């Protein structure tokens, strides 16, 4: 069974023992009643509501767990004290995916949870695969065009919604596990940054238009590497000083390619400046403080985190908490408030 827990919400804990016991045969089960909360960091893979939904407090408790983002991906089984049309409609509005009578045998409830979680996993895998496919197609078209002298920006649009949907519905971990099988290091990195960016803006509840804009910038940020020699990009070891100097030309190359293709100013700025640092130590323009836009500040954090946690031939990926510690230590280079928000977004990953 997936990582996480089955959340059993109840207002009759004295009667929940048999249901809790059999749900534990499916996966870890967290029983919540009154103000009791799950263990810190525990995320639901399914929710079983054994609540009287005619009570305002019960509605509040269920609604607090079934957020808008969760409704499409986490199975919610409501055990109904009343099965009237009004009660069933209310349960659906609260996010129920299955409604069962309250007297349903615990074994049947457990089987429904197994079926629901299994079906959700298959859907998540499918949406992740579609997202990777669309994004890879977009990158291939863009990089091929950049090598040949120009890009068709419409190519990237087809990848934006599938990426956001894949990370939202399939989870960032599933996205990363799939991306890490990609054999092109540059494509892999762009897909990693795009996935991390999608997790960040989904977590922050950006407007849909802004989410797409940010993921667009993430996909395009390393386009300049299309004109960097493959021998440097795919070198199995660390780059020497001369090779690093060549690599550092990619932001300006990408900027010039996109500028000539009619790209918007915000994306152009993100592509040119994603290696700038608040203290002026970045490149290519040595920008300082307020000269660096919010979009660039966000993208730089995503880019560094992806570089720290990606798999390379010469080193193992850095664990999440260690990578977040590195970001936190860069307090003169990155905006601390955004790093903190980013850390919260990454710790919410499933």
C-alpha atoms as a PDB file:
ATOM      1  CA  UNK A   1       0.000   0.000   0.000  1.00  0.00           C
ATOM      2  CA  UNK A   2       1.123   3.569  -0.657  1.00  0.00           C
ATOM      3  CA  UNK A   3       3.035   5.662   1.880  1.00  0.00           C
ATOM      4  CA  UNK A   4       0.741   7.670   4.135  1.00  0.00           C
ATOM      5  CA  UNK A   5      -2.243   6.645   6.189  1.00  0.00           C
ATOM      6  CA  UNK A   6      -5.957   5.997   6.081  1.00  0.00           C
ATOM      7  CA  UNK A   7      -7.617   8.727   8.123  1.00  0.00           C
ATOM      8  CA  UNK A   8     -10.637   7.465  10.050  1.00  0.00           C
ATOM      9  CA  UNK A   9     -12.773  10.382  11.264  1.00  0.00           C
ATOM     10  CA  UNK A  10     -15.336   9.416  13.859  1.00  0.00           C
ATOM     11  CA  UNK A  11     -17.633  10.962  16.432  1.00  0.00           C
ATOM     12  CA  UNK A  12     -18.173   7.612  18.154  1.00  0.00           C
ATOM     13  CA  UNK A  13     -14.677   6.397  19.071  1.00  0.00           C
ATOM     14  CA  UNK A  14     -16.084   3.815  21.472  1.00  0.00           C
ATOM     15  CA  UNK A  15     -17.496   1.927  18.454  1.00  0.00           C
ATOM     16  CA  UNK A  16     -14.657   2.424  15.965  1.00  0.00           C
ATOM     17  CA  UNK A  17     -12.431  -0.450  17.130  1.00  0.00           C
ATOM     18  CA  UNK A  18     -13.533  -3.135  14.620  1.00  0.00           C
ATOM     19  CA  UNK A  19     -13.314  -0.736  11.677  1.00  0.00           C
ATOM     20  CA  UNK A  20      -9.901   0.548  12.766  1.00  0.00           C
ATOM     21  CA  UNK A  21      -8.587  -3.002  13.158  1.00  0.00           C
ATOM     22  CA  UNK A  22      -9.576  -4.100   9.657  1.00  0.00           C
ATOM     23  CA  UNK A  23      -8.427  -0.858   8.033  1.00  0.00           C
ATOM     24  CA  UNK A  24      -4.984  -1.595   9.507  1.00  0.00           C
ATOM     25  CA  UNK A  25      -4.890  -4.672   7.272  1.00  0.00           C
ATOM     26  CA  UNK A  26      -4.997  -2.270   4.320  1.00  0.00           C
ATOM     27  CA  UNK A  27      -2.461   0.269   5.581  1.00  0.00           C
ATOM     28  CA  UNK A  28      -1.502   2.471   8.487  1.00  0.00           C
ATOM     29  CA  UNK A  29      -4.650   3.921  10.087  1.00  0.00           C
ATOM     30  CA  UNK A  30      -4.950   7.197  11.996  1.00  0.00           C
ATOM     31  CA  UNK A  31      -8.140   7.522  14.082  1.00  0.00           C
ATOM     32  CA  UNK A  32      -9.285  11.100  14.648  1.00  0.00           C
ATOM     33  CA  UNK A  33     -12.038  12.217  16.964  1.00  0.00           C
ATOM     34  CA  UNK A  34     -12.673  15.511  18.706  1.00  0.00           C
ATOM     35  CA  UNK A  35      -9.654  17.756  18.134  1.00  0.00           C
ATOM     36  CA  UNK A  36      -7.249  14.847  17.700  1.00  0.00           C
ATOM     37  CA  UNK A  37      -4.929  15.360  14.717  1.00  0.00           C
ATOM     38  CA  UNK A  38      -2.779  12.906  12.743  1.00  0.00           C
ATOM     39  CA  UNK A  39       0.909  12.485  13.502  1.00  0.00           C
ATOM     40  CA  UNK A  40       2.954  15.400  12.152  1.00  0.00           C
ATOM     41  CA  UNK A  41       3.759  15.013   8.469  1.00  0.00           C
ATOM     42  CA  UNK A  42       1.355  12.094   7.941  1.00  0.00           C
ATOM     43  CA  UNK A  43      -0.575  12.446   4.707  1.00  0.00           C
ATOM     44  CA  UNK A  44      -3.827  10.687   3.809  1.00  0.00           C
ATOM     45  CA  UNK A  45      -4.049   8.063   1.101  1.00  0.00           C
ATOM     46  CA  UNK A  46      -7.764   7.703   1.873  1.00  0.00           C
ATOM     47  CA  UNK A  47     -10.328   9.167   4.265  1.00  0.00           C
ATOM     48  CA  UNK A  48     -13.136   7.238   5.954  1.00  0.00           C
ATOM     49  CA  UNK A  49     -15.778   9.506   7.488  1.00  0.00           C
ATOM     50  CA  UNK A  50     -17.865   7.925  10.230  1.00  0.00           C
ATOM     51  CA  UNK A  51     -19.474  11.232  11.203  1.00  0.00           C
ATOM     52  CA  UNK A  52     -22.988  12.545  11.644  1.00  0.00           C
ATOM     53  CA  UNK A  53     -22.971  15.029   8.779  1.00  0.00           C
ATOM     54  CA  UNK A  54     -26.050  16.853  10.075  1.00  0.00           C
ATOM     55  CA  UNK A  55     -23.768  18.361  12.730  1.00  0.00           C
ATOM     56  CA  UNK A  56     -21.914  21.556  11.874  1.00  0.00           C
ATOM     57  CA  UNK A  57     -18.760  20.429  13.674  1.00  0.00           C
ATOM     58  CA  UNK A  58     -18.664  17.180  11.672  1.00  0.00           C
ATOM     59  CA  UNK A  59     -18.922  19.132   8.441  1.00  0.00           C
ATOM     60  CA  UNK A  60     -16.066  21.390   9.527  1.00  0.00           C
ATOM     61  CA  UNK A  61     -13.838  18.441  10.410  1.00  0.00           C
ATOM     62  CA  UNK A  62     -14.395  16.650   7.117  1.00  0.00           C
ATOM     63  CA  UNK A  63     -14.027  19.820   5.073  1.00  0.00           C
ATOM     64  CA  UNK A  64     -10.739  20.648   6.803  1.00  0.00           C
ATOM     65  CA  UNK A  65      -9.218  17.415   5.474  1.00  0.00           C
ATOM     66  CA  UNK A  66     -10.840  17.241   2.056  1.00  0.00           C
ATOM     67  CA  UNK A  67      -9.372  20.313   0.396  1.00  0.00           C
ATOM     68  CA  UNK A  68     -10.165  21.396  -3.141  1.00  0.00           C
ATOM     69  CA  UNK A  69      -6.869  19.883  -4.335  1.00  0.00           C
ATOM     70  CA  UNK A  70      -7.589  16.571  -2.589  1.00  0.00           C
ATOM     71  CA  UNK A  71     -11.026  15.952  -3.988  1.00  0.00           C
ATOM     72  CA  UNK A  72      -9.810  14.548  -7.282  1.00  0.00           C
ATOM     73  CA  UNK A  73      -7.076  12.307  -5.927  1.00  0.00           C
ATOM     74  CA  UNK A  74      -7.801  10.984  -2.423  1.00  0.00           C
ATOM     75  CA  UNK A  75     -10.637   8.466  -1.988  1.00  0.00           C
ATOM     76  CA  UNK A  76     -13.196   9.653   0.570  1.00  0.00           C
ATOM     77  CA  UNK A  77     -15.639   7.026   1.884  1.00  0.00           C
ATOM     78  CA  UNK A  78     -18.567   8.399   3.871  1.00  0.00           C
ATOM     79  CA  UNK A  79     -20.462   6.059   6.194  1.00  0.00           C
ATOM     80  CA  UNK A  80     -23.925   7.557   6.141  1.00  0.00           C
ATOM     81  CA  UNK A  81     -26.249   7.730   9.159  1.00  0.00           C
ATOM     82  CA  UNK A  82     -28.922   8.905   6.717  1.00  0.00           C
ATOM     83  CA  UNK A  83     -29.150   7.890   3.048  1.00  0.00           C
ATOM     84  CA  UNK A  84     -31.727  10.482   2.018  1.00  0.00           C
ATOM     85  CA  UNK A  85     -31.150  12.311  -1.269  1.00  0.00           C
ATOM     86  CA  UNK A  86     -30.232  15.458   0.657  1.00  0.00           C
ATOM     87  CA  UNK A  87     -27.707  13.667   2.870  1.00  0.00           C
ATOM     88  CA  UNK A  88     -26.062  11.946  -0.108  1.00  0.00           C
ATOM     89  CA  UNK A  89     -25.890  15.222  -2.042  1.00  0.00           C
ATOM     90  CA  UNK A  90     -24.256  16.904   0.964  1.00  0.00           C
ATOM     91  CA  UNK A  91     -21.664  14.124   1.242  1.00  0.00           C
ATOM     92  CA  UNK A  92     -20.793  14.462  -2.447  1.00  0.00           C
ATOM     93  CA  UNK A  93     -20.412  18.212  -2.057  1.00  0.00           C
ATOM     94  CA  UNK A  94     -17.997  17.577   0.806  1.00  0.00           C
ATOM     95  CA  UNK A  95     -15.846  15.403  -1.466  1.00  0.00           C
ATOM     96  CA  UNK A  96     -17.173  11.862  -0.939  1.00  0.00           C
ATOM     97  CA  UNK A  97     -16.147   9.438  -3.686  1.00  0.00           C
ATOM     98  CA  UNK A  98     -18.187   6.568  -2.166  1.00  0.00           C
ATOM     99  CA  UNK A  99     -21.184   6.673   0.199  1.00  0.00           C
ATOM    100  CA  UNK A 100     -22.062   3.551   2.236  1.00  0.00           C
ATOM    101  CA  UNK A 101     -24.652   2.964   4.965  1.00  0.00           C
ATOM    102  CA  UNK A 102     -23.216   3.346   8.469  1.00  0.00           C
ATOM    103  CA  UNK A 103     -24.012  -0.305   9.206  1.00  0.00           C
ATOM    104  CA  UNK A 104     -21.785  -1.576   6.351  1.00  0.00           C
ATOM    105  CA  UNK A 105     -19.567  -4.434   7.518  1.00  0.00           C
ATOM    106  CA  UNK A 106     -15.977  -3.280   8.254  1.00  0.00           C
ATOM    107  CA  UNK A 107     -14.600  -5.923   5.853  1.00  0.00           C
ATOM    108  CA  UNK A 108     -16.579  -4.392   2.984  1.00  0.00           C
ATOM    109  CA  UNK A 109     -15.407  -0.878   3.898  1.00  0.00           C
ATOM    110  CA  UNK A 110     -11.800  -2.125   3.828  1.00  0.00           C
ATOM    111  CA  UNK A 111     -12.299  -3.723   0.407  1.00  0.00           C
ATOM    112  CA  UNK A 112     -13.774  -0.498  -0.964  1.00  0.00           C
ATOM    113  CA  UNK A 113     -10.710   1.382   0.308  1.00  0.00           C
ATOM    114  CA  UNK A 114      -8.400  -1.155  -1.370  1.00  0.00           C
ATOM    115  CA  UNK A 115     -10.249  -0.796  -4.655  1.00  0.00           C
ATOM    116  CA  UNK A 116     -10.400   3.010  -4.474  1.00  0.00           C
ATOM    117  CA  UNK A 117      -6.722   3.450  -3.605  1.00  0.00           C
ATOM    118  CA  UNK A 118      -5.691   0.972  -6.304  1.00  0.00           C
ATOM    119  CA  UNK A 119      -7.774   2.735  -8.937  1.00  0.00           C
ATOM    120  CA  UNK A 120      -6.408   6.109  -7.860  1.00  0.00           C
ATOM    121  CA  UNK A 121      -2.833   4.816  -8.183  1.00  0.00           C
ATOM    122  CA  UNK A 122      -3.538   3.635 -11.741  1.00  0.00           C
ATOM    123  CA  UNK A 123      -5.047   7.025 -12.646  1.00  0.00           C
ATOM    124  CA  UNK A 124      -2.098   8.832 -11.076  1.00  0.00           C
ATOM    125  CA  UNK A 125       0.373   6.699 -13.026  1.00  0.00           C
ATOM    126  CA  UNK A 126      -1.486   7.418 -16.257  1.00  0.00           C
ATOM    127  CA  UNK A 127      -1.632  11.170 -15.723  1.00  0.00           C
ATOM    128  CA  UNK A 128       2.076  11.236 -14.824  1.00  0.00           C
ATOM    129  CA  UNK A 129       3.019   9.312 -17.958  1.00  0.00           C
ATOM    130  CA  UNK A 130       0.932  11.677 -20.097  1.00  0.00           C
ATOM    131  CA  UNK A 131       2.523  14.699 -18.451  1.00  0.00           C
ATOM    132  CA  UNK A 132       6.055  13.391 -19.044  1.00  0.00           C
ATOM    133  CA  UNK A 133       5.228  12.554 -22.657  1.00  0.00           C
ATOM    134  CA  UNK A 134       3.765  15.985 -23.446  1.00  0.00           C
ATOM    135  CA  UNK A 135       6.599  17.808 -21.685  1.00  0.00           C
ATOM    136  CA  UNK A 136       9.279  15.722 -23.436  1.00  0.00           C
ATOM    137  CA  UNK A 137       7.626  16.350 -26.809  1.00  0.00           C
ATOM    138  CA  UNK A 138       7.638  20.089 -26.062  1.00  0.00           C
ATOM    139  CA  UNK A 139      11.310  20.058 -25.013  1.00  0.00           C
ATOM    140  CA  UNK A 140      12.345  18.033 -28.063  1.00  0.00           C
ATOM    141  CA  UNK A 141      10.614  20.475 -30.410  1.00  0.00           C
ATOM    142  CA  UNK A 142      12.056  23.493 -28.598  1.00  0.00           C
ATOM    143  CA  UNK A 143      15.650  22.219 -28.389  1.00  0.00           C
ATOM    144  CA  UNK A 144      15.640  21.000 -31.995  1.00  0.00           C
ATOM    145  CA  UNK A 145      14.387  24.401 -33.100  1.00  0.00           C
ATOM    146  CA  UNK A 146      16.987  26.205 -30.993  1.00  0.00           C
ATOM    147  CA  UNK A 147      19.804  24.168 -32.540  1.00  0.00           C
ATOM    148  CA  UNK A 148      18.517  24.940 -36.025  1.00  0.00           C
ATOM    149  CA  UNK A 149      18.179  28.685 -35.465  1.00  0.00           C
ATOM    150  CA  UNK A 150      14.732  29.393 -33.974  1.00  0.00           C
ATOM    151  CA  UNK A 151      11.938  28.061 -31.787  1.00  0.00           C
ATOM    152  CA  UNK A 152       8.176  27.693 -32.089  1.00  0.00           C
ATOM    153  CA  UNK A 153       6.894  28.866 -28.704  1.00  0.00           C
ATOM    154  CA  UNK A 154       3.487  27.251 -29.225  1.00  0.00           C
ATOM    155  CA  UNK A 155       5.228  23.896 -28.724  1.00  0.00           C
ATOM    156  CA  UNK A 156       5.669  24.536 -25.012  1.00  0.00           C
ATOM    157  CA  UNK A 157       1.996  25.334 -24.398  1.00  0.00           C
ATOM    158  CA  UNK A 158       0.940  21.717 -24.925  1.00  0.00           C
ATOM    159  CA  UNK A 159       3.078  20.645 -21.984  1.00  0.00           C
ATOM    160  CA  UNK A 160       1.953  23.119 -19.316  1.00  0.00           C
ATOM    161  CA  UNK A 161      -1.438  21.777 -18.210  1.00  0.00           C
ATOM    162  CA  UNK A 162      -0.304  18.109 -18.331  1.00  0.00           C
ATOM    163  CA  UNK A 163       2.673  18.939 -16.064  1.00  0.00           C
ATOM    164  CA  UNK A 164       0.524  20.768 -13.531  1.00  0.00           C
ATOM    165  CA  UNK A 165      -2.072  17.972 -13.594  1.00  0.00           C
ATOM    166  CA  UNK A 166       0.561  15.247 -13.271  1.00  0.00           C
ATOM    167  CA  UNK A 167       2.140  16.804 -10.182  1.00  0.00           C
ATOM    168  CA  UNK A 168      -1.219  17.698  -8.635  1.00  0.00           C
ATOM    169  CA  UNK A 169      -2.943  14.364  -9.236  1.00  0.00           C
ATOM    170  CA  UNK A 170      -0.026  11.948  -9.426  1.00  0.00           C
ATOM    171  CA  UNK A 171       2.245  13.595  -6.873  1.00  0.00           C
ATOM    172  CA  UNK A 172       5.741  15.026  -7.251  1.00  0.00           C
ATOM    173  CA  UNK A 173       7.459  11.804  -6.138  1.00  0.00           C
ATOM    174  CA  UNK A 174       5.850   9.829  -8.955  1.00  0.00           C
ATOM    175  CA  UNK A 175       6.872  12.583 -11.405  1.00  0.00           C
ATOM    176  CA  UNK A 176      10.479  12.550 -10.161  1.00  0.00           C
ATOM    177  CA  UNK A 177      10.725   8.754 -10.230  1.00  0.00           C
ATOM    178  CA  UNK A 178       9.624   8.774 -13.870  1.00  0.00           C
ATOM    179  CA  UNK A 179      11.809  11.719 -14.912  1.00  0.00           C
ATOM    180  CA  UNK A 180      14.913  10.086 -13.410  1.00  0.00           C
ATOM    181  CA  UNK A 181      14.637   7.330 -16.025  1.00  0.00           C
ATOM    182  CA  UNK A 182      15.205   9.887 -18.815  1.00  0.00           C
ATOM    183  CA  UNK A 183      18.574   9.360 -20.497  1.00  0.00           C
ATOM    184  CA  UNK A 184      19.225  12.995 -21.556  1.00  0.00           C
ATOM    185  CA  UNK A 185      20.674  14.959 -18.617  1.00  0.00           C
ATOM    186  CA  UNK A 186      19.486  18.368 -19.874  1.00  0.00           C
ATOM    187  CA  UNK A 187      15.942  17.194 -20.578  1.00  0.00           C
ATOM    188  CA  UNK A 188      15.917  15.425 -17.232  1.00  0.00           C
ATOM    189  CA  UNK A 189      16.943  18.599 -15.417  1.00  0.00           C
ATOM    190  CA  UNK A 190      14.345  20.741 -17.224  1.00  0.00           C
ATOM    191  CA  UNK A 191      11.626  18.210 -16.375  1.00  0.00           C
ATOM    192  CA  UNK A 192      12.786  18.079 -12.746  1.00  0.00           C
ATOM    193  CA  UNK A 193      12.682  21.867 -12.430  1.00  0.00           C
ATOM    194  CA  UNK A 194       9.276  21.995 -14.121  1.00  0.00           C
ATOM    195  CA  UNK A 195       7.893  19.368 -11.732  1.00  0.00           C
ATOM    196  CA  UNK A 196       9.322  21.086  -8.651  1.00  0.00           C
ATOM    197  CA  UNK A 197       7.983  24.422  -9.951  1.00  0.00           C
ATOM    198  CA  UNK A 198       4.528  22.884 -10.413  1.00  0.00           C
ATOM    199  CA  UNK A 199       4.591  21.529  -6.851  1.00  0.00           C
ATOM    200  CA  UNK A 200       5.581  24.966  -5.543  1.00  0.00           C
ATOM    201  CA  UNK A 201       2.862  26.957  -7.325  1.00  0.00           C
ATOM    202  CA  UNK A 202       0.198  24.299  -6.670  1.00  0.00           C
ATOM    203  CA  UNK A 203       1.094  24.451  -2.977  1.00  0.00           C
ATOM    204  CA  UNK A 204       0.927  28.262  -2.981  1.00  0.00           C
ATOM    205  CA  UNK A 205      -2.452  28.172  -4.789  1.00  0.00           C
ATOM    206  CA  UNK A 206      -1.386  30.525  -7.557  1.00  0.00           C
ATOM    207  CA  UNK A 207      -4.007  31.475 -10.111  1.00  0.00           C
ATOM    208  CA  UNK A 208      -4.104  29.028 -13.020  1.00  0.00           C
ATOM    209  CA  UNK A 209      -2.691  31.590 -15.424  1.00  0.00           C
ATOM    210  CA  UNK A 210       0.231  32.286 -13.073  1.00  0.00           C
ATOM    211  CA  UNK A 211       0.849  28.559 -12.539  1.00  0.00           C
ATOM    212  CA  UNK A 212       1.155  28.022 -16.270  1.00  0.00           C
ATOM    213  CA  UNK A 213       3.399  31.057 -16.654  1.00  0.00           C
ATOM    214  CA  UNK A 214       5.807  29.807 -13.985  1.00  0.00           C
ATOM    215  CA  UNK A 215       5.948  26.256 -15.334  1.00  0.00           C
ATOM    216  CA  UNK A 216       6.553  27.724 -18.808  1.00  0.00           C
ATOM    217  CA  UNK A 217       9.575  29.605 -17.454  1.00  0.00           C
ATOM    218  CA  UNK A 218      10.795  26.424 -15.744  1.00  0.00           C
ATOM    219  CA  UNK A 219      10.591  24.399 -18.962  1.00  0.00           C
ATOM    220  CA  UNK A 220      12.388  27.091 -20.953  1.00  0.00           C
ATOM    221  CA  UNK A 221      15.006  28.160 -18.410  1.00  0.00           C
ATOM    222  CA  UNK A 222      17.875  26.053 -19.810  1.00  0.00           C
ATOM    223  CA  UNK A 223      16.988  26.350 -23.507  1.00  0.00           C
ATOM    224  CA  UNK A 224      20.381  27.959 -24.148  1.00  0.00           C
ATOM    225  CA  UNK A 225      22.003  24.588 -23.451  1.00  0.00           C
ATOM    226  CA  UNK A 226      20.732  23.508 -26.874  1.00  0.00           C
ATOM    227  CA  UNK A 227      23.803  25.278 -28.270  1.00  0.00           C
ATOM    228  CA  UNK A 228      26.291  23.983 -25.692  1.00  0.00           C
ATOM    229  CA  UNK A 229      28.429  21.007 -26.875  1.00  0.00           C
ATOM    230  CA  UNK A 230      26.995  17.656 -25.835  1.00  0.00           C
ATOM    231  CA  UNK A 231      30.411  16.537 -24.624  1.00  0.00           C
ATOM    232  CA  UNK A 232      30.229  19.213 -21.920  1.00  0.00           C
ATOM    233  CA  UNK A 233      26.561  18.715 -21.061  1.00  0.00           C
ATOM    234  CA  UNK A 234      26.927  14.957 -20.677  1.00  0.00           C
ATOM    235  CA  UNK A 235      30.399  14.847 -19.126  1.00  0.00           C
ATOM    236  CA  UNK A 236      30.292  12.119 -16.444  1.00  0.00           C
ATOM    237  CA  UNK A 237      32.559  14.022 -14.040  1.00  0.00           C
ATOM    238  CA  UNK A 238      32.921  17.584 -12.794  1.00  0.00           C
ATOM    239  CA  UNK A 239      33.529  20.369 -15.323  1.00  0.00           C
ATOM    240  CA  UNK A 240      36.867  22.164 -15.466  1.00  0.00           C
ATOM    241  CA  UNK A 241      37.156  25.967 -15.448  1.00  0.00           C
ATOM    242  CA  UNK A 242      37.030  26.342 -19.242  1.00  0.00           C
ATOM    243  CA  UNK A 243      34.008  24.054 -19.536  1.00  0.00           C
ATOM    244  CA  UNK A 244      32.260  25.910 -16.735  1.00  0.00           C
ATOM    245  CA  UNK A 245      32.854  29.203 -18.557  1.00  0.00           C
ATOM    246  CA  UNK A 246      31.123  27.749 -21.613  1.00  0.00           C
ATOM    247  CA  UNK A 247      28.215  26.431 -19.547  1.00  0.00           C
ATOM    248  CA  UNK A 248      27.754  29.885 -18.038  1.00  0.00           C
ATOM    249  CA  UNK A 249      26.919  31.291 -21.473  1.00  0.00           C
ATOM    250  CA  UNK A 250      23.637  29.372 -21.646  1.00  0.00           C
ATOM    251  CA  UNK A 251      21.378  31.962 -19.937  1.00  0.00           C
ATOM    252  CA  UNK A 252      22.270  34.655 -22.471  1.00  0.00           C
ATOM    253  CA  UNK A 253      22.041  32.199 -25.379  1.00  0.00           C
ATOM    254  CA  UNK A 254      18.575  31.106 -24.244  1.00  0.00           C
ATOM    255  CA  UNK A 255      17.504  34.718 -23.759  1.00  0.00           C
ATOM    256  CA  UNK A 256      18.617  35.670 -27.284  1.00  0.00           C
ATOM    257  CA  UNK A 257      16.904  32.671 -28.860  1.00  0.00           C
ATOM    258  CA  UNK A 258      13.613  33.453 -27.127  1.00  0.00           C
ATOM    259  CA  UNK A 259      13.839  37.218 -27.621  1.00  0.00           C
ATOM    260  CA  UNK A 260      14.030  36.678 -31.350  1.00  0.00           C
ATOM    261  CA  UNK A 261      10.985  34.378 -31.128  1.00  0.00           C
ATOM    262  CA  UNK A 262       8.692  36.964 -29.499  1.00  0.00           C
ATOM    263  CA  UNK A 263       8.702  35.580 -25.959  1.00  0.00           C
ATOM    264  CA  UNK A 264       7.136  37.639 -23.135  1.00  0.00           C
ATOM    265  CA  UNK A 265       9.356  39.794 -20.916  1.00  0.00           C
ATOM    266  CA  UNK A 266       8.759  37.876 -17.661  1.00  0.00           C
ATOM    267  CA  UNK A 267       9.826  34.577 -19.207  1.00  0.00           C
ATOM    268  CA  UNK A 268      12.792  36.239 -20.913  1.00  0.00           C
ATOM    269  CA  UNK A 269      13.911  37.616 -17.559  1.00  0.00           C
ATOM    270  CA  UNK A 270      13.584  34.190 -15.926  1.00  0.00           C
ATOM    271  CA  UNK A 271      15.628  32.513 -18.653  1.00  0.00           C
ATOM    272  CA  UNK A 272      18.404  35.131 -18.568  1.00  0.00           C
ATOM    273  CA  UNK A 273      18.577  35.629 -14.801  1.00  0.00           C
ATOM    274  CA  UNK A 274      17.836  32.271 -13.127  1.00  0.00           C
ATOM    275  CA  UNK A 275      21.475  32.111 -11.958  1.00  0.00           C
ATOM    276  CA  UNK A 276      21.463  35.589 -10.393  1.00  0.00           C
ATOM    277  CA  UNK A 277      21.828  35.904  -6.607  1.00  0.00           C
ATOM    278  CA  UNK A 278      20.531  38.599  -4.267  1.00  0.00           C
ATOM    279  CA  UNK A 279      24.060  39.492  -3.134  1.00  0.00           C
ATOM    280  CA  UNK A 280      25.250  40.125  -6.707  1.00  0.00           C
ATOM    281  CA  UNK A 281      27.398  36.988  -6.919  1.00  0.00           C
ATOM    282  CA  UNK A 282      25.339  35.396  -9.699  1.00  0.00           C
ATOM    283  CA  UNK A 283      25.616  35.581 -13.482  1.00  0.00           C
ATOM    284  CA  UNK A 284      25.418  36.731 -16.256  1.00  0.00           C
ATOM    285  CA  UNK A 285      24.633  40.316 -15.172  1.00  0.00           C
ATOM    286  CA  UNK A 286      25.523  40.362 -11.475  1.00  0.00           C
ATOM    287  CA  UNK A 287      22.096  41.694 -10.480  1.00  0.00           C
ATOM    288  CA  UNK A 288      21.556  42.696  -6.857  1.00  0.00           C
ATOM    289  CA  UNK A 289      18.488  42.680  -4.596  1.00  0.00           C
ATOM    290  CA  UNK A 290      15.413  44.412  -6.002  1.00  0.00           C
ATOM    291  CA  UNK A 291      16.757  44.154  -9.561  1.00  0.00           C
ATOM    292  CA  UNK A 292      15.856  40.451  -9.430  1.00  0.00           C
ATOM    293  CA  UNK A 293      12.163  39.770 -10.118  1.00  0.00           C
ATOM    294  CA  UNK A 294       9.908  37.571  -7.986  1.00  0.00           C
ATOM    295  CA  UNK A 295       9.617  35.052 -10.829  1.00  0.00           C
ATOM    296  CA  UNK A 296      13.402  34.742 -11.002  1.00  0.00           C
ATOM    297  CA  UNK A 297      13.708  34.402  -7.210  1.00  0.00           C
ATOM    298  CA  UNK A 298      11.209  31.541  -7.218  1.00  0.00           C
ATOM    299  CA  UNK A 299      12.743  29.819 -10.231  1.00  0.00           C
ATOM    300  CA  UNK A 300      16.287  30.045  -8.856  1.00  0.00           C
ATOM    301  CA  UNK A 301      15.225  28.177  -5.725  1.00  0.00           C
ATOM    302  CA  UNK A 302      13.562  25.443  -7.816  1.00  0.00           C
ATOM    303  CA  UNK A 303      16.611  25.206 -10.086  1.00  0.00           C
ATOM    304  CA  UNK A 304      19.118  24.856  -7.235  1.00  0.00           C
ATOM    305  CA  UNK A 305      16.959  22.321  -5.411  1.00  0.00           C
ATOM    306  CA  UNK A 306      16.591  20.207  -8.561  1.00  0.00           C
ATOM    307  CA  UNK A 307      20.360  20.306  -9.154  1.00  0.00           C
ATOM    308  CA  UNK A 308      21.037  19.188  -5.572  1.00  0.00           C
ATOM    309  CA  UNK A 309      18.569  16.304  -5.620  1.00  0.00           C
ATOM    310  CA  UNK A 310      19.034  14.988  -9.158  1.00  0.00           C
ATOM    311  CA  UNK A 311      21.024  11.866  -9.891  1.00  0.00           C
ATOM    312  CA  UNK A 312      24.434  12.337 -11.483  1.00  0.00           C
ATOM    313  CA  UNK A 313      27.036   9.776 -12.557  1.00  0.00           C
ATOM    314  CA  UNK A 314      29.614  11.294 -10.193  1.00  0.00           C
ATOM    315  CA  UNK A 315      27.424  11.721  -7.083  1.00  0.00           C
ATOM    316  CA  UNK A 316      24.300  10.464  -5.354  1.00  0.00           C
ATOM    317  CA  UNK A 317      21.215  12.677  -5.080  1.00  0.00           C
ATOM    318  CA  UNK A 318      21.110  14.757  -1.915  1.00  0.00           C
ATOM    319  CA  UNK A 319      18.314  13.852   0.536  1.00  0.00           C
ATOM    320  CA  UNK A 320      15.431  16.339   0.629  1.00  0.00           C
ATOM    321  CA  UNK A 321      16.133  17.674   4.114  1.00  0.00           C
ATOM    322  CA  UNK A 322      19.825  18.150   3.324  1.00  0.00           C
ATOM    323  CA  UNK A 323      18.982  20.020   0.125  1.00  0.00           C
ATOM    324  CA  UNK A 324      16.581  22.282   2.020  1.00  0.00           C
ATOM    325  CA  UNK A 325      19.324  22.952   4.575  1.00  0.00           C
ATOM    326  CA  UNK A 326      21.646  24.033   1.769  1.00  0.00           C
ATOM    327  CA  UNK A 327      19.003  26.455   0.483  1.00  0.00           C
ATOM    328  CA  UNK A 328      18.499  27.835   3.993  1.00  0.00           C
ATOM    329  CA  UNK A 329      22.255  28.375   4.334  1.00  0.00           C
ATOM    330  CA  UNK A 330      22.232  30.569   1.208  1.00  0.00           C
ATOM    331  CA  UNK A 331      20.560  33.364   3.165  1.00  0.00           C
ATOM    332  CA  UNK A 332      22.501  36.168   1.446  1.00  0.00           C
ATOM    333  CA  UNK A 333      21.768  34.773  -2.002  1.00  0.00           C
ATOM    334  CA  UNK A 334      18.149  33.590  -1.813  1.00  0.00           C
ATOM    335  CA  UNK A 335      15.095  35.185  -0.245  1.00  0.00           C
ATOM    336  CA  UNK A 336      14.563  33.502   3.131  1.00  0.00           C
ATOM    337  CA  UNK A 337      10.773  33.878   3.128  1.00  0.00           C
ATOM    338  CA  UNK A 338      10.506  32.117  -0.225  1.00  0.00           C
ATOM    339  CA  UNK A 339      12.952  29.384   0.854  1.00  0.00           C
ATOM    340  CA  UNK A 340      10.772  28.730   3.899  1.00  0.00           C
ATOM    341  CA  UNK A 341       7.623  28.483   1.755  1.00  0.00           C
ATOM    342  CA  UNK A 342       9.473  26.232  -0.675  1.00  0.00           C
ATOM    343  CA  UNK A 343      10.538  23.943   2.166  1.00  0.00           C
ATOM    344  CA  UNK A 344       6.927  23.636   3.298  1.00  0.00           C
ATOM    345  CA  UNK A 345       5.895  22.776  -0.265  1.00  0.00           C
ATOM    346  CA  UNK A 346       8.551  20.059  -0.554  1.00  0.00           C
ATOM    347  CA  UNK A 347       7.698  18.559   2.848  1.00  0.00           C
ATOM    348  CA  UNK A 348       4.073  18.334   1.683  1.00  0.00           C
ATOM    349  CA  UNK A 349       5.139  16.142  -1.252  1.00  0.00           C
ATOM    350  CA  UNK A 350       3.546  12.722  -1.597  1.00  0.00           C
END
